[in-house]
Amino acid sequence: MEFFSKSCSKEEILAKLKEYAAGDADPHSGKLFTIAFEAGLDDLRELTHRALTLFADKNILDFLEFPSAIKMEKGIIDVATSLMHGDEEVVGTYTFGGTESVFLAVKAARDQFILKRGLGVYPEIIMPVTAHPCWDKAAEYMGLLTKRVPVDPDTLTVQPDSISRAITDSTAMIVGSAPNWPFGTIDPIAELAEIAVEKNLWLHTDACVGGFILPFMKKLGEDIPDFDFSLPGVSSISLDPHKYAFSPHGSSVVLFRKSFYKMYSTFSNIRWPGYVIINPAVLSTRSAGPLAAAWAALHYLGESGYLDLTARMIKARNKIVPGLQRLGYRILGRQSSCIVAFSSQEVNVFKLADVMGEKGWWILAQRGIEEMNIPPSIHLTVTPIHDKAAEHMLKDLEDATERVRQMPPSDVEDMIQGMGLIMRTMVPEDMGLETISAMLGRMEKDMETHGPRIMKALGVDKGVPREMAMINEMFNSLPPEIVEPLLTYVAIELYRRGD
């Protein structure tokens, strides 16, 4: 609070912000293969940032006061509906991110289920193990259960029979990804749609990653299966402009096949003496800045612009995949998007991510799921800027690969892996409320005593760590039921300290 005790000059503020940003990655460098979606177009960035600023002080909450919000949202929804082959019945909502879009879809499916079935059972969501955790988050917030089913270990897409067998009388919705985030593979949405029609279930296509790229890939001749409203069984779709439409964060869209489906997701209230509340999204007050920026990006680039950017991404991907294979890496799943995931039985991918980080490259290490034959892997999000960076990245990756090959396994790795094997036998298969309560109760006491030592052991006592290999090894080896509460504790401590 010392910095707040007096007012500061503009120069002091900007200097402090620059100091804070010193450790940040540069999202425009072409060295991020992570959650940064970069088109590499300075004119697009300048335009969207200008639009962001022009509308930053306008509040979407009151569309009577700022009717521009309705016009811009309609423009975005119209584009999204067209890309998803929707008809005049399709309606949508602009949100601040894919998770918020998913929340609205889950609420709509849940409320429809409750109105049909009553309150006697907990509604369930059936989805592949590769579905984004935002589905678990939405379920946790809104009182649903989730059931994750395995994916085919070769294609890394869900098998329709697995979804079908998991369905019960409690199933409120089923989910497929187009594509999933970890591997970039597209679930067989057409077959899932047939199941949805047969069993009268809500099917959501999670196209948060692919909604603004797969249609253009298909036009360029890529083999992209149907995943949208061209399939009668699809009830809702989410797609994010802040990914492959290259608008600033946060920006997403959820589309509903019918107007009444959106009724389930919209909150209206006039039960207080204040202003009328009509919230189509989860948030109430929202800056119109990101909305304006998304509208600007879509209409500046247009179909021809997105086709050009998509062609560049395909070109970059087609350089990277053979390069990875030449280095001896195994490409996971069938590459049907611009996400690439690779693994190795000889190279520790967690150490590889650290060594590449030393060279300035940000690549995402992913835990495996041994019981489902999913190995630890590296995730690469390919964007247009990587067309120029691909050869440089592969050259550094070759050097990093040789360095990691020469690193002997450490005693700590063996200890973590052995501890994981033991702990998996100790964690009950059915984590009921009683078990969770007892575990969290013990953890509360243990963290008071051992929390600082745990922070030090993980290397996070001095701030966000740069070397993540041992931590990733722990994520991979220990049961999620153990790691997730520990992660929560560490994150709370980091934010509390401001590290």
Protein backbone atom coordinates (compact mmCIF):
# COMPACT_ATOMS: atom_id res chain seq x y z
CA MET A 1 0.00 0.00 0.00
CA GLU A 2 3.05 2.30 0.22
CA PHE A 3 2.78 3.11 -3.49
CA PHE A 4 -0.88 4.12 -2.96
CA SER A 5 -0.22 6.46 -0.01
CA LYS A 6 0.42 9.39 -2.34
CA SER A 7 -0.76 10.25 -5.83
CA CYS A 8 1.78 9.50 -8.54
CA SER A 9 2.71 11.30 -11.72
CA LYS A 10 2.02 9.85 -15.15
CA GLU A 11 5.75 9.25 -15.54
CA GLU A 12 5.95 7.34 -12.24
CA ILE A 13 2.92 5.22 -13.15
CA LEU A 14 4.25 4.33 -16.59
CA ALA A 15 7.70 3.57 -15.19
CA LYS A 16 6.18 1.26 -12.58
CA LEU A 17 4.07 -0.54 -15.20
CA LYS A 18 7.15 -0.94 -17.38
CA GLU A 19 8.98 -2.40 -14.39
CA TYR A 20 6.12 -4.85 -13.77
CA ALA A 21 6.15 -5.92 -17.43
CA ALA A 22 9.90 -6.57 -17.54
CA GLY A 23 9.44 -10.30 -16.99
CA ASP A 24 6.53 -10.73 -19.40
CA ALA A 25 6.83 -12.58 -22.67
CA ASP A 26 6.43 -10.49 -25.82
CA PRO A 27 3.16 -11.63 -27.46
CA HIS A 28 4.22 -10.08 -30.81
CA SER A 29 7.64 -11.76 -31.01
CA GLY A 30 6.62 -14.94 -32.83
CA LYS A 31 8.28 -16.97 -30.06
CA LEU A 32 5.05 -17.89 -28.24
CA PHE A 33 3.33 -21.14 -29.19
CA THR A 34 0.91 -20.87 -26.27
CA ILE A 35 -2.24 -18.87 -25.56
CA ALA A 36 -1.04 -15.85 -27.57
CA PHE A 37 -2.80 -15.58 -30.95
CA GLU A 38 -0.76 -13.22 -33.10
CA ALA A 39 -1.53 -12.37 -36.72
CA GLY A 40 1.67 -10.43 -37.19
CA LEU A 41 -0.17 -7.47 -38.74
CA ASP A 42 0.74 -4.10 -37.26
CA ASP A 43 -2.16 -2.35 -38.99
CA LEU A 44 -4.68 -4.80 -37.51
CA ARG A 45 -3.23 -4.36 -34.02
CA GLU A 46 -3.30 -0.57 -34.35
CA LEU A 47 -6.92 -0.61 -35.53
CA THR A 48 -8.23 -2.98 -32.84
CA HIS A 49 -6.41 -1.11 -30.07
CA ARG A 50 -7.88 2.14 -31.34
CA ALA A 51 -11.38 0.61 -31.34
CA LEU A 52 -10.73 -0.74 -27.84
CA THR A 53 -9.87 2.74 -26.60
CA LEU A 54 -12.75 4.48 -28.37
CA PHE A 55 -15.35 2.32 -26.59
CA ALA A 56 -13.49 1.52 -23.34
CA ASP A 57 -15.66 3.84 -21.25
CA LYS A 58 -19.01 2.63 -22.60
CA ASN A 59 -20.88 0.02 -20.58
CA ILE A 60 -22.62 -2.85 -22.39
CA LEU A 61 -24.87 -3.23 -19.33
CA ASP A 62 -27.05 -0.33 -20.50
CA PHE A 63 -27.72 -0.83 -24.20
CA LEU A 64 -30.36 1.94 -24.06
CA GLU A 65 -27.68 4.44 -23.08
CA PHE A 66 -25.15 2.92 -25.52
CA PRO A 67 -27.12 1.38 -28.42
CA SER A 68 -23.88 0.96 -30.38
CA ALA A 69 -23.37 -2.21 -28.32
CA ILE A 70 -26.42 -3.81 -29.94
CA LYS A 71 -25.23 -2.92 -33.44
CA MET A 72 -21.71 -4.25 -32.87
CA GLU A 73 -22.89 -7.42 -31.13
CA LYS A 74 -25.34 -8.15 -33.95
CA GLY A 75 -22.54 -7.67 -36.48
CA ILE A 76 -20.34 -10.20 -34.68
CA ILE A 77 -23.18 -12.70 -34.15
CA ASP A 78 -24.13 -12.46 -37.83
CA VAL A 79 -20.59 -13.33 -38.91
CA ALA A 80 -20.36 -16.20 -36.41
CA THR A 81 -23.77 -17.56 -37.45
CA SER A 82 -22.79 -17.52 -41.11
CA LEU A 83 -19.50 -19.33 -40.42
CA MET A 84 -21.39 -21.96 -38.40
CA HIS A 85 -24.03 -22.46 -41.13
CA GLY A 86 -26.82 -21.18 -38.92
CA ASP A 87 -30.24 -20.17 -40.22
CA GLU A 88 -32.50 -17.24 -39.28
CA GLU A 89 -33.54 -19.03 -36.08
CA VAL A 90 -30.01 -18.97 -34.61
CA VAL A 91 -29.34 -16.35 -31.93
CA GLY A 92 -26.21 -15.60 -29.96
CA THR A 93 -24.52 -13.67 -27.16
CA TYR A 94 -21.19 -11.88 -27.08
CA THR A 95 -19.16 -12.77 -23.98
CA PHE A 96 -15.75 -11.97 -22.55
CA GLY A 97 -14.27 -15.43 -23.08
CA GLY A 98 -14.87 -19.06 -23.94
CA THR A 99 -15.50 -19.98 -20.32
CA GLU A 100 -18.30 -17.44 -20.07
CA SER A 101 -19.81 -18.77 -23.31
CA VAL A 102 -19.66 -22.29 -21.91
CA PHE A 103 -21.31 -21.12 -18.67
CA LEU A 104 -24.26 -19.80 -20.67
CA ALA A 105 -24.59 -23.02 -22.67
CA VAL A 106 -24.45 -25.11 -19.49
CA LYS A 107 -27.06 -22.94 -17.78
CA ALA A 108 -29.38 -23.22 -20.76
CA ALA A 109 -29.01 -27.00 -20.99
CA ARG A 110 -29.36 -27.40 -17.22
CA ASP A 111 -32.51 -25.27 -16.99
CA GLN A 112 -34.09 -27.06 -19.94
CA PHE A 113 -33.30 -30.40 -18.27
CA ILE A 114 -34.74 -29.31 -14.90
CA LEU A 115 -37.93 -28.02 -16.50
CA LYS A 116 -38.37 -31.39 -18.20
CA ARG A 117 -37.24 -33.66 -15.35
CA GLY A 118 -37.71 -31.70 -12.16
CA LEU A 119 -35.25 -31.31 -9.29
CA GLY A 120 -34.98 -34.98 -8.31
CA VAL A 121 -31.52 -35.66 -9.83
CA TYR A 122 -28.22 -33.89 -10.40
CA PRO A 123 -27.89 -33.11 -14.12
CA GLU A 124 -24.76 -34.54 -15.78
CA ILE A 125 -22.47 -33.38 -18.58
CA ILE A 126 -20.87 -36.15 -20.65
CA MET A 127 -17.68 -35.15 -22.45
CA PRO A 128 -14.31 -36.47 -23.64
CA VAL A 129 -11.33 -36.35 -21.30
CA THR A 130 -9.85 -33.80 -23.73
CA ALA A 131 -12.69 -31.28 -23.19
CA HIS A 132 -11.61 -27.99 -21.65
CA PRO A 133 -11.71 -27.70 -17.81
CA CYS A 134 -14.15 -24.77 -18.15
CA TRP A 135 -16.87 -27.45 -18.42
CA ASP A 136 -15.94 -28.75 -14.96
CA LYS A 137 -15.82 -25.16 -13.73
CA ALA A 138 -19.29 -24.40 -15.08
CA ALA A 139 -20.61 -27.61 -13.56
CA GLU A 140 -19.03 -26.80 -10.20
CA TYR A 141 -20.57 -23.31 -10.18
CA MET A 142 -24.02 -24.45 -11.27
CA GLY A 143 -24.50 -27.73 -9.44
CA LEU A 144 -24.02 -30.29 -12.21
CA LEU A 145 -21.89 -33.43 -12.32
CA THR A 146 -19.37 -34.17 -15.05
CA LYS A 147 -18.40 -37.48 -16.56
CA ARG A 148 -15.26 -37.62 -18.73
CA VAL A 149 -14.84 -40.54 -21.10
CA PRO A 150 -11.60 -41.78 -22.74
CA VAL A 151 -10.51 -40.86 -26.25
CA ASP A 152 -9.05 -43.18 -28.85
CA PRO A 153 -5.29 -43.31 -28.08
CA ASP A 154 -4.39 -43.11 -31.78
CA THR A 155 -6.76 -40.43 -33.07
CA LEU A 156 -7.18 -38.65 -29.71
CA THR A 157 -10.83 -38.06 -30.54
CA VAL A 158 -13.76 -39.39 -28.58
CA GLN A 159 -15.47 -42.57 -29.74
CA PRO A 160 -19.24 -42.07 -30.09
CA ASP A 161 -19.90 -45.44 -28.44
CA SER A 162 -18.08 -44.23 -25.32
CA ILE A 163 -20.33 -41.19 -25.11
CA SER A 164 -23.42 -43.28 -25.76
CA ARG A 165 -22.58 -45.82 -23.05
CA ALA A 166 -22.00 -43.04 -20.51
CA ILE A 167 -25.44 -41.49 -21.01
CA THR A 168 -27.98 -42.03 -18.24
CA ASP A 169 -31.37 -40.59 -17.31
CA SER A 170 -29.41 -37.83 -15.53
CA THR A 171 -27.60 -36.63 -18.65
CA ALA A 172 -28.43 -33.00 -19.44
CA MET A 173 -25.93 -32.42 -22.24
CA ILE A 174 -23.08 -33.94 -24.21
CA VAL A 175 -20.02 -32.09 -25.48
CA GLY A 176 -17.61 -32.45 -28.38
CA SER A 177 -14.62 -30.28 -29.33
CA ALA A 178 -13.76 -28.77 -32.70
CA PRO A 179 -10.89 -29.00 -32.01
CA ASN A 180 -9.81 -29.83 -28.46
CA TRP A 181 -7.08 -27.67 -26.99
CA PRO A 182 -4.44 -30.26 -25.96
CA PHE A 183 -4.02 -31.98 -29.34
CA GLY A 184 -5.99 -30.00 -31.92
CA THR A 185 -8.07 -33.00 -32.95
CA ILE A 186 -11.75 -32.70 -33.90
CA ASP A 187 -14.27 -34.99 -32.23
CA PRO A 188 -16.77 -36.79 -34.50
CA ILE A 189 -19.50 -34.19 -34.03
CA ALA A 190 -21.69 -35.71 -36.78
CA GLU A 191 -21.95 -39.01 -34.88
CA LEU A 192 -22.49 -37.20 -31.58
CA ALA A 193 -25.27 -35.22 -33.25
CA GLU A 194 -26.99 -38.46 -34.25
CA ILE A 195 -26.84 -39.60 -30.62
CA ALA A 196 -28.23 -36.24 -29.48
CA VAL A 197 -31.18 -36.51 -31.88
CA GLU A 198 -31.86 -40.14 -30.98
CA LYS A 199 -31.79 -39.52 -27.22
CA ASN A 200 -33.23 -35.98 -27.32
CA LEU A 201 -30.16 -34.46 -25.64
CA TRP A 202 -28.46 -31.09 -25.81
CA LEU A 203 -25.20 -31.27 -27.81
CA HIS A 204 -22.72 -28.43 -27.57
CA THR A 205 -19.85 -28.04 -30.02
CA ASP A 206 -16.93 -26.38 -28.27
CA ALA A 207 -15.37 -24.53 -31.21
CA CYS A 208 -13.78 -21.85 -29.04
CA VAL A 209 -10.44 -22.62 -30.72
CA GLY A 210 -11.64 -23.63 -34.17
CA GLY A 211 -14.71 -21.55 -34.92
CA PHE A 212 -12.82 -18.76 -36.69
CA ILE A 213 -10.29 -20.95 -38.51
CA LEU A 214 -11.81 -24.33 -39.44
CA PRO A 215 -14.31 -22.86 -41.96
CA PHE A 216 -11.42 -21.14 -43.76
CA MET A 217 -9.25 -24.27 -43.62
CA LYS A 218 -12.11 -26.17 -45.25
CA LYS A 219 -12.37 -23.57 -48.03
CA LEU A 220 -8.64 -23.99 -48.65
CA GLY A 221 -9.06 -27.73 -49.20
CA GLU A 222 -8.22 -29.11 -45.75
CA ASP A 223 -10.18 -32.19 -44.65
CA ILE A 224 -12.42 -30.67 -42.00
CA PRO A 225 -15.45 -32.72 -40.85
CA ASP A 226 -18.84 -31.09 -40.23
CA PHE A 227 -19.18 -29.78 -36.69
CA ASP A 228 -21.70 -26.92 -36.80
CA PHE A 229 -25.41 -26.16 -37.29
CA SER A 230 -25.38 -28.04 -40.59
CA LEU A 231 -25.84 -31.03 -38.26
CA PRO A 232 -29.43 -31.15 -36.88
CA GLY A 233 -28.37 -32.43 -33.44
CA VAL A 234 -26.15 -29.47 -32.50
CA SER A 235 -27.95 -27.22 -29.99
CA SER A 236 -25.24 -24.65 -29.24
CA ILE A 237 -21.72 -23.64 -30.32
CA SER A 238 -19.04 -21.50 -28.70
CA LEU A 239 -16.31 -19.74 -30.72
CA ASP A 240 -13.76 -17.10 -29.72
CA PRO A 241 -12.78 -14.05 -31.80
CA HIS A 242 -9.83 -13.50 -29.45
CA LYS A 243 -8.26 -16.68 -30.76
CA TYR A 244 -8.08 -17.16 -34.52
CA ALA A 245 -10.09 -14.04 -35.37
CA PHE A 246 -7.17 -12.11 -33.80
CA SER A 247 -9.15 -9.60 -31.77
CA PRO A 248 -7.89 -8.47 -28.33
CA HIS A 249 -8.84 -10.45 -25.23
CA GLY A 250 -11.49 -11.13 -24.04
CA SER A 251 -13.95 -11.93 -26.75
CA SER A 252 -16.19 -14.93 -27.35
CA VAL A 253 -19.56 -15.87 -28.80
CA VAL A 254 -22.12 -18.49 -27.86
CA LEU A 255 -24.71 -19.39 -30.48
CA PHE A 256 -28.04 -21.13 -29.81
CA ARG A 257 -30.00 -22.99 -32.48
CA LYS A 258 -33.31 -21.54 -31.28
CA SER A 259 -34.28 -18.23 -29.71
CA PHE A 260 -35.90 -19.95 -26.75
CA TYR A 261 -32.64 -21.68 -25.86
CA LYS A 262 -31.18 -18.23 -25.20
CA MET A 263 -34.13 -17.54 -22.88
CA TYR A 264 -32.69 -20.19 -20.54
CA SER A 265 -29.33 -18.41 -20.42
CA THR A 266 -30.55 -14.80 -20.03
CA PHE A 267 -31.09 -13.23 -16.62
CA SER A 268 -33.82 -10.59 -16.20
CA ASN A 269 -34.92 -8.97 -12.94
CA ILE A 270 -37.23 -6.10 -11.92
CA ARG A 271 -37.68 -7.17 -8.26
CA TRP A 272 -35.83 -4.23 -6.75
CA PRO A 273 -36.44 -0.45 -6.90
CA GLY A 274 -33.40 0.18 -9.12
CA TYR A 275 -32.82 -0.03 -12.86
CA VAL A 276 -34.14 -2.91 -14.97
CA ILE A 277 -31.68 -5.80 -15.16
CA ILE A 278 -31.34 -7.71 -18.45
CA ASN A 279 -28.11 -9.72 -18.61
CA PRO A 280 -27.63 -11.93 -21.67
CA ALA A 281 -24.13 -12.77 -20.37
CA VAL A 282 -22.78 -13.82 -16.96
CA LEU A 283 -21.22 -10.43 -16.25
CA SER A 284 -23.32 -7.30 -15.83
CA THR A 285 -21.02 -4.32 -16.24
CA ARG A 286 -18.80 -4.90 -19.28
CA SER A 287 -16.67 -2.45 -21.22
CA ALA A 288 -17.70 -2.12 -24.87
CA GLY A 289 -14.00 -1.87 -25.75
CA PRO A 290 -13.35 -5.56 -26.48
CA LEU A 291 -16.70 -5.77 -28.32
CA ALA A 292 -15.70 -2.89 -30.61
CA ALA A 293 -12.25 -4.38 -31.16
CA ALA A 294 -13.70 -7.76 -32.16
CA TRP A 295 -16.15 -6.08 -34.54
CA ALA A 296 -13.28 -4.10 -36.05
CA ALA A 297 -11.06 -7.17 -36.54
CA LEU A 298 -13.78 -9.19 -38.27
CA HIS A 299 -14.78 -6.41 -40.63
CA TYR A 300 -11.25 -5.20 -41.37
CA LEU A 301 -9.93 -8.61 -42.38
CA GLY A 302 -13.09 -10.01 -43.93
CA GLU A 303 -13.23 -13.43 -45.57
CA SER A 304 -10.28 -12.75 -47.90
CA GLY A 305 -8.09 -11.60 -45.02
CA TYR A 306 -8.86 -14.66 -42.93
CA LEU A 307 -8.26 -16.98 -45.88
CA ASP A 308 -4.84 -15.39 -46.35
CA LEU A 309 -3.94 -15.70 -42.65
CA THR A 310 -5.20 -19.29 -42.57
CA ALA A 311 -3.05 -20.18 -45.57
CA ARG A 312 -0.03 -18.80 -43.73
CA MET A 313 -0.85 -20.91 -40.66
CA ILE A 314 -1.22 -24.07 -42.73
CA LYS A 315 2.13 -23.29 -44.35
CA ALA A 316 3.74 -22.83 -40.91
CA ARG A 317 2.19 -26.04 -39.59
CA ASN A 318 3.39 -27.93 -42.67
CA LYS A 319 6.94 -26.79 -41.93
CA ILE A 320 6.79 -27.63 -38.24
CA VAL A 321 5.27 -31.12 -38.38
CA PRO A 322 7.91 -32.69 -40.70
CA GLY A 323 10.61 -30.88 -38.72
CA LEU A 324 9.40 -32.47 -35.50
CA GLN A 325 9.27 -35.88 -37.14
CA ARG A 326 12.84 -35.49 -38.43
CA LEU A 327 13.94 -34.89 -34.84
CA GLY A 328 12.30 -38.17 -33.80
CA TYR A 329 9.17 -36.79 -32.15
CA ARG A 330 5.79 -38.47 -32.43
CA ILE A 331 2.92 -36.26 -33.57
CA LEU A 332 -0.15 -36.98 -31.46
CA GLY A 333 -3.49 -37.52 -33.17
CA ARG A 334 -4.57 -36.61 -36.67
CA GLN A 335 -3.58 -33.03 -37.48
CA SER A 336 -6.82 -31.39 -38.58
CA SER A 337 -6.26 -27.88 -37.20
CA CYS A 338 -3.38 -25.53 -36.51
CA ILE A 339 -2.57 -26.99 -33.12
CA VAL A 340 0.29 -29.49 -33.03
CA ALA A 341 1.13 -31.77 -30.11
CA PHE A 342 4.17 -34.04 -29.94
CA SER A 343 5.69 -36.52 -27.50
CA SER A 344 8.79 -38.67 -27.10
CA GLN A 345 9.78 -41.84 -25.28
CA GLU A 346 13.43 -40.76 -25.28
CA VAL A 347 13.30 -37.04 -24.48
CA ASN A 348 11.82 -35.63 -21.28
CA VAL A 349 9.38 -33.09 -22.70
CA PHE A 350 9.16 -31.23 -19.38
CA LYS A 351 12.90 -30.53 -19.45
CA LEU A 352 12.62 -29.71 -23.15
CA ALA A 353 10.11 -26.95 -22.41
CA ASP A 354 12.52 -25.44 -19.86
CA VAL A 355 15.49 -25.50 -22.25
CA MET A 356 13.41 -23.93 -25.01
CA GLY A 357 12.32 -21.31 -22.47
CA GLU A 358 15.98 -20.42 -21.91
CA LYS A 359 16.16 -19.73 -25.65
CA GLY A 360 13.14 -17.44 -25.44
CA TRP A 361 10.53 -19.86 -26.81
CA TRP A 362 7.29 -20.43 -24.94
CA ILE A 363 5.88 -23.91 -25.54
CA LEU A 364 3.29 -25.63 -23.36
CA ALA A 365 4.18 -28.84 -21.52
CA GLN A 366 1.16 -31.11 -21.00
CA ARG A 367 0.69 -33.89 -18.46
CA GLY A 368 -0.19 -37.36 -19.66
CA ILE A 369 -2.88 -39.73 -18.43
CA GLU A 370 -1.19 -43.10 -18.18
CA GLU A 371 -4.35 -45.12 -17.64
CA MET A 372 -5.75 -43.73 -20.92
CA ASN A 373 -2.51 -44.23 -22.88
CA ILE A 374 -2.02 -40.46 -23.28
CA PRO A 375 1.68 -39.57 -22.91
CA PRO A 376 3.15 -36.31 -21.63
CA SER A 377 3.49 -33.92 -24.56
CA ILE A 378 4.30 -30.47 -25.86
CA HIS A 379 1.52 -28.29 -27.27
CA LEU A 380 2.15 -25.76 -30.05
CA THR A 381 -0.48 -23.20 -31.04
CA VAL A 382 0.47 -22.23 -34.60
CA THR A 383 -0.42 -18.69 -35.72
CA PRO A 384 0.36 -16.71 -38.90
CA ILE A 385 3.49 -15.13 -37.43
CA HIS A 386 5.04 -18.59 -37.11
CA ASP A 387 5.38 -18.89 -40.88
CA LYS A 388 8.52 -16.76 -40.52
CA ALA A 389 9.63 -18.21 -37.18
CA ALA A 390 9.26 -21.95 -37.91
CA GLU A 391 12.80 -22.65 -39.18
CA HIS A 392 14.37 -20.71 -36.31
CA MET A 393 12.25 -22.57 -33.75
CA LEU A 394 13.10 -25.98 -35.25
CA LYS A 395 16.81 -25.18 -35.22
CA ASP A 396 16.67 -24.23 -31.54
CA LEU A 397 14.53 -27.28 -30.83
CA GLU A 398 17.17 -29.52 -32.39
CA ASP A 399 19.80 -28.06 -30.09
CA ALA A 400 17.49 -28.29 -27.07
CA THR A 401 16.69 -31.91 -27.90
CA GLU A 402 20.37 -32.88 -27.86
CA ARG A 403 20.91 -31.07 -24.57
CA VAL A 404 17.98 -32.85 -22.92
CA ARG A 405 19.08 -36.25 -24.28
CA GLN A 406 22.35 -35.80 -22.39
CA MET A 407 20.66 -34.92 -19.09
CA PRO A 408 20.58 -37.87 -16.70
CA PRO A 409 17.37 -38.55 -14.77
CA SER A 410 17.48 -37.04 -11.30
CA ASP A 411 16.70 -38.73 -8.00
CA VAL A 412 13.89 -36.20 -7.51
CA GLU A 413 12.18 -37.35 -10.73
CA ASP A 414 12.30 -40.98 -9.59
CA MET A 415 11.02 -39.97 -6.15
CA ILE A 416 8.07 -38.00 -7.61
CA GLN A 417 7.14 -40.83 -9.97
CA GLY A 418 7.34 -43.39 -7.16
CA MET A 419 5.30 -41.17 -4.86
CA GLY A 420 2.70 -40.87 -7.61
CA LEU A 421 2.36 -44.64 -7.91
CA ILE A 422 1.82 -44.92 -4.16
CA MET A 423 -0.62 -42.02 -3.90
CA ARG A 424 -2.78 -43.31 -6.75
CA THR A 425 -3.48 -46.42 -4.69
CA MET A 426 -4.43 -44.24 -1.70
CA VAL A 427 -6.87 -41.90 -3.43
CA PRO A 428 -10.38 -43.40 -3.44
CA GLU A 429 -12.01 -43.88 -6.85
CA ASP A 430 -15.22 -42.31 -5.61
CA MET A 431 -14.42 -38.93 -4.08
CA GLY A 432 -17.65 -38.37 -2.18
CA LEU A 433 -18.50 -35.25 -0.19
CA GLU A 434 -17.34 -36.89 3.05
CA THR A 435 -13.94 -37.78 1.59
CA ILE A 436 -13.39 -34.34 0.07
CA SER A 437 -14.38 -32.63 3.31
CA ALA A 438 -11.97 -34.75 5.36
CA MET A 439 -9.13 -34.20 2.86
CA LEU A 440 -9.59 -30.42 2.77
CA GLY A 441 -9.84 -30.30 6.56
CA ARG A 442 -6.48 -32.07 6.88
CA MET A 443 -5.00 -29.88 4.17
CA GLU A 444 -6.07 -26.68 5.94
CA LYS A 445 -4.11 -27.69 9.04
CA ASP A 446 -1.12 -29.01 7.07
CA MET A 447 -0.82 -25.85 4.98
CA GLU A 448 -0.69 -23.68 8.10
CA THR A 449 2.30 -25.73 9.28
CA HIS A 450 4.05 -26.76 6.09
CA GLY A 451 2.85 -24.22 3.49
CA PRO A 452 6.02 -22.06 3.44
CA ARG A 453 8.23 -25.17 3.11
CA ILE A 454 6.10 -26.44 0.23
CA MET A 455 6.37 -23.07 -1.54
CA LYS A 456 10.16 -23.22 -1.14
CA ALA A 457 10.38 -26.84 -2.30
CA LEU A 458 8.43 -25.98 -5.46
CA GLY A 459 10.63 -22.95 -6.10
CA VAL A 460 7.74 -20.48 -5.93
CA ASP A 461 8.63 -18.81 -2.65
CA LYS A 462 10.42 -16.04 -4.57
CA GLY A 463 7.82 -15.60 -7.31
CA VAL A 464 6.69 -17.25 -10.52
CA PRO A 465 9.30 -19.92 -11.42
CA ARG A 466 10.96 -20.07 -14.84
CA GLU A 467 12.09 -23.68 -14.51
CA MET A 468 8.99 -25.84 -14.47
CA ALA A 469 10.29 -29.36 -15.23
CA MET A 470 10.06 -30.72 -11.69
CA ILE A 471 6.68 -29.06 -11.12
CA ASN A 472 5.36 -30.48 -14.40
CA GLU A 473 6.70 -33.89 -13.39
CA MET A 474 4.67 -33.59 -10.21
CA PHE A 475 1.54 -32.61 -12.17
CA ASN A 476 2.08 -35.64 -14.38
CA SER A 477 2.79 -38.19 -11.65
CA LEU A 478 0.58 -37.28 -8.70
CA PRO A 479 -3.21 -37.75 -8.67
CA PRO A 480 -5.22 -34.62 -9.61
CA GLU A 481 -7.11 -34.91 -6.31
CA ILE A 482 -3.81 -34.17 -4.53
CA VAL A 483 -2.32 -31.62 -6.93
CA GLU A 484 -5.38 -29.43 -7.51
CA PRO A 485 -5.77 -28.20 -3.89
CA LEU A 486 -2.00 -27.67 -3.74
CA LEU A 487 -2.11 -25.60 -6.95
CA THR A 488 -4.93 -23.51 -5.52
CA TYR A 489 -2.94 -22.82 -2.36
CA VAL A 490 0.17 -21.83 -4.33
CA ALA A 491 -1.81 -19.50 -6.63
CA ILE A 492 -3.50 -17.79 -3.67
CA GLU A 493 -0.10 -17.24 -2.04
CA LEU A 494 1.43 -15.84 -5.23
CA TYR A 495 -1.39 -13.34 -5.69
CA ARG A 496 -1.42 -12.46 -2.00
CA ARG A 497 2.27 -11.57 -2.16
CA GLY A 498 2.02 -9.94 -5.58
CA ASP A 499 4.96 -12.04 -6.84
